[in-house]
Amino acid sequence: GYAPPAAVGRFVRHRDGHCRAPGCAREARFCDLDHVIAYPAGATTATNLQTLCRTHHGFKHHGGWTVTMTPDGVCTWTAPNGRSHTTHPTALHDDAA
């Protein structure tokens, strides 16, 4: 379905730690869960979900930005002008420490 199971939502919020938009530090607990590849074409799984604050959720869908995500949660945002920005999940940094 569209809405993720509670365990998947907890995992994604823990993995991401914050809004995944470039430069945003809004805590994941205050963010929406967003399908990187829009549902129903994209599955409701941890490898296709990211946390986005309401502002950046709208920005992604209406601002001309595109996002791709690797299986370990690294996101690449591409601006309308073609410039790319990479964001990393907090848990990936925590695991490396």
Protein backbone atom coordinates (compact mmCIF):
# COMPACT_ATOMS: atom_id res chain seq x y z
CA GLY A 1 0.00 0.00 0.00
CA TYR A 2 0.82 3.69 0.02
CA ALA A 3 1.36 4.08 3.77
CA PRO A 4 4.41 2.23 5.12
CA PRO A 5 4.13 -0.22 8.00
CA ALA A 6 5.13 1.37 11.33
CA ALA A 7 8.42 -0.56 11.46
CA VAL A 8 9.45 0.72 8.01
CA GLY A 9 8.60 4.31 9.02
CA ARG A 10 10.69 3.99 12.20
CA PHE A 11 13.61 2.53 10.24
CA VAL A 12 13.55 5.32 7.61
CA ARG A 13 13.30 8.07 10.23
CA HIS A 14 16.19 6.55 12.21
CA ARG A 15 18.30 6.05 9.07
CA ASP A 16 17.71 9.55 7.73
CA GLY A 17 17.76 11.50 11.00
CA HIS A 18 16.65 14.71 9.28
CA CYS A 19 14.97 16.09 6.17
CA ARG A 20 16.94 14.77 3.20
CA ALA A 21 16.75 17.96 1.15
CA PRO A 22 20.16 19.61 0.69
CA GLY A 23 20.97 21.88 3.62
CA CYS A 24 17.86 21.12 5.69
CA ALA A 25 18.29 19.98 9.30
CA ARG A 26 14.61 19.52 10.26
CA GLU A 27 14.45 16.43 12.48
CA ALA A 28 13.05 13.32 10.79
CA ARG A 29 10.36 12.91 13.46
CA PHE A 30 8.79 16.13 12.13
CA CYS A 31 9.03 15.06 8.46
CA ASP A 32 6.81 13.28 5.97
CA LEU A 33 7.80 9.94 4.48
CA ASP A 34 8.19 10.52 0.74
CA HIS A 35 8.35 7.96 -2.06
CA VAL A 36 11.47 8.71 -4.13
CA ILE A 37 9.83 6.96 -7.08
CA ALA A 38 6.16 7.95 -6.83
CA TYR A 39 3.68 5.34 -5.68
CA PRO A 40 2.33 3.10 -7.23
CA ALA A 41 5.26 2.90 -9.70
CA GLY A 42 7.63 2.86 -6.72
CA ALA A 43 7.26 0.48 -3.81
CA THR A 44 6.56 1.50 -0.22
CA THR A 45 9.88 0.17 1.08
CA ALA A 46 12.82 1.63 2.98
CA THR A 47 14.85 1.68 -0.24
CA ASN A 48 12.26 3.98 -1.84
CA LEU A 49 11.36 6.23 1.10
CA GLN A 50 13.05 9.33 2.46
CA THR A 51 12.12 11.89 5.10
CA LEU A 52 11.21 15.36 3.85
CA CYS A 53 9.92 18.35 5.77
CA ARG A 54 6.65 19.75 4.42
CA THR A 55 8.43 22.61 2.64
CA HIS A 56 10.86 20.36 0.79
CA HIS A 57 8.22 17.71 0.13
CA GLY A 58 6.31 20.33 -1.85
CA PHE A 59 9.54 21.59 -3.41
CA LYS A 60 10.31 18.12 -4.75
CA HIS A 61 6.87 17.67 -6.28
CA HIS A 62 6.31 21.19 -7.60
CA GLY A 63 9.73 22.84 -7.85
CA GLY A 64 11.27 20.93 -10.73
CA TRP A 65 13.80 19.00 -8.64
CA THR A 66 14.43 15.27 -9.14
CA VAL A 67 15.78 12.78 -6.61
CA THR A 68 17.42 9.38 -6.88
CA MET A 69 18.41 7.17 -3.96
CA THR A 70 20.88 4.28 -3.59
CA PRO A 71 19.85 1.15 -1.65
CA ASP A 72 21.79 2.40 1.41
CA GLY A 73 19.90 5.71 1.42
CA VAL A 74 22.29 8.18 -0.25
CA CYS A 75 20.16 10.71 -2.15
CA THR A 76 21.16 12.76 -5.16
CA TRP A 77 19.04 15.83 -5.78
CA THR A 78 19.18 17.50 -9.18
CA ALA A 79 18.06 21.11 -9.43
CA PRO A 80 16.15 22.46 -12.43
CA ASN A 81 19.43 24.07 -13.61
CA GLY A 82 21.13 20.61 -13.66
CA ARG A 83 23.31 21.08 -10.57
CA SER A 84 23.42 18.01 -8.29
CA HIS A 85 23.57 17.81 -4.51
CA THR A 86 24.15 14.63 -2.49
CA THR A 87 22.72 14.03 0.99
CA HIS A 88 23.60 11.18 3.31
CA PRO A 89 21.48 9.49 5.95
CA THR A 90 22.54 10.25 9.52
CA ALA A 91 22.71 6.54 10.41
CA LEU A 92 25.32 6.01 7.67
CA HIS A 93 27.54 8.64 9.36
CA ASP A 94 26.84 7.15 12.81
CA ASP A 95 27.85 3.67 11.62
CA ALA A 96 31.14 5.00 10.20
CA ALA A 97 32.11 6.64 13.52
